Amino acid sequence: MRPKDKGTKAENKARKAYEEAVLQAFRNYTAAKEQAEIVHEKALKQAIDKKAREKADIKYKETLEQARKVRDDVMDEAQKAFNDVMSKRG
């Protein structure tokens, strides 16, 4: 096997790992968002006053922000790992 072939295989493997990580992060975010929406709707239906509805809204927004942060962190780490492999080629 020539060195170039080995590098190409490593790059392809890194690219596939990156794509899978990004896709999984997005799927997990979407699932978390859907669950948060369900819980939020139930909380709003059970809220007995304005303060309870506001608290439900705040918790919903916090949950979405946390899910976005986790998604973004996973995607950032995947990008760093991919860039590391690509920088070592050649």
Protein backbone atom coordinates (compact mmCIF):
# COMPACT_ATOMS: atom_id res chain seq x y z
CA MET A 1 0.00 0.00 0.00
CA ARG A 2 1.32 3.40 -0.92
CA PRO A 3 1.47 6.15 1.75
CA LYS A 4 -1.04 8.25 -0.19
CA ASP A 5 -3.58 5.42 -0.11
CA LYS A 6 -3.15 5.09 3.63
CA GLY A 7 -3.69 8.82 4.08
CA THR A 8 -6.78 8.80 1.91
CA LYS A 9 -8.26 5.95 3.95
CA ALA A 10 -7.56 7.82 7.17
CA GLU A 11 -9.14 10.97 5.75
CA ASN A 12 -12.21 9.07 4.59
CA LYS A 13 -12.52 7.38 7.98
CA ALA A 14 -12.17 10.74 9.75
CA ARG A 15 -14.72 12.36 7.44
CA LYS A 16 -17.20 9.55 8.03
CA ALA A 17 -16.70 9.75 11.82
CA TYR A 18 -17.21 13.51 11.68
CA GLU A 19 -20.37 13.22 9.62
CA GLU A 20 -21.78 10.53 11.90
CA ALA A 21 -21.04 12.60 15.02
CA VAL A 22 -22.68 15.69 13.54
CA LEU A 23 -25.72 13.73 12.39
CA GLN A 24 -26.10 12.05 15.78
CA ALA A 25 -25.72 15.37 17.59
CA PHE A 26 -28.44 16.87 15.41
CA ARG A 27 -30.74 13.88 15.94
CA ASN A 28 -30.24 14.04 19.70
CA TYR A 29 -30.95 17.76 19.69
CA THR A 30 -34.12 17.24 17.67
CA ALA A 31 -35.32 14.50 20.03
CA ALA A 32 -34.57 16.64 23.09
CA LYS A 33 -36.41 19.58 21.54
CA GLU A 34 -39.46 17.44 20.77
CA GLN A 35 -39.52 16.11 24.33
CA ALA A 36 -39.14 19.62 25.73
CA GLU A 37 -42.06 20.80 23.61
CA ILE A 38 -44.26 17.98 24.91
CA VAL A 39 -43.36 18.70 28.53
CA HIS A 40 -43.82 22.44 27.98
CA GLU A 41 -47.30 21.97 26.54
CA LYS A 42 -48.31 19.74 29.47
CA ALA A 43 -46.89 22.24 31.96
CA LEU A 44 -48.82 25.08 30.35
CA LYS A 45 -52.06 23.08 30.50
CA GLN A 46 -51.49 22.34 34.19
CA ALA A 47 -50.40 25.87 35.09
CA ILE A 48 -52.93 27.50 37.37
CA ASP A 49 -51.68 31.07 37.13
CA LYS A 50 -49.53 33.43 35.14
CA LYS A 51 -46.48 32.85 37.35
CA ALA A 52 -46.61 29.09 36.73
CA ARG A 53 -46.87 29.63 32.97
CA GLU A 54 -43.92 32.01 33.03
CA LYS A 55 -41.88 29.47 34.99
CA ALA A 56 -42.77 26.77 32.44
CA ASP A 57 -41.70 29.08 29.62
CA ILE A 58 -38.40 29.85 31.33
CA LYS A 59 -37.63 26.17 31.96
CA TYR A 60 -38.52 25.36 28.36
CA LYS A 61 -36.15 28.01 27.04
CA GLU A 62 -33.39 26.87 29.41
CA THR A 63 -33.84 23.28 28.25
CA LEU A 64 -33.59 24.27 24.60
CA GLU A 65 -30.49 26.35 25.28
CA GLN A 66 -28.83 23.46 27.10
CA ALA A 67 -29.69 21.07 24.25
CA ARG A 68 -28.25 23.53 21.71
CA LYS A 69 -25.08 23.86 23.78
CA VAL A 70 -24.59 20.10 23.95
CA ARG A 71 -25.22 19.79 20.20
CA ASP A 72 -22.78 22.58 19.43
CA ASP A 73 -20.12 21.18 21.78
CA VAL A 74 -20.32 17.75 20.16
CA MET A 75 -20.14 19.27 16.70
CA ASP A 76 -17.17 21.45 17.71
CA GLU A 77 -15.26 18.47 19.10
CA ALA A 78 -16.00 16.44 15.98
CA GLN A 79 -14.74 19.31 13.84
CA LYS A 80 -11.56 19.60 15.91
CA ALA A 81 -10.88 15.87 15.60
CA PHE A 82 -11.48 15.98 11.86
CA ASN A 83 -9.24 19.03 11.44
CA ASP A 84 -6.54 17.29 13.46
CA VAL A 85 -6.55 14.31 11.11
CA MET A 86 -6.58 16.53 8.04
CA SER A 87 -3.70 18.65 9.34
CA LYS A 88 -1.55 15.53 9.75
CA ARG A 89 -1.97 14.45 6.15
CA GLY A 90 0.62 15.12 3.57
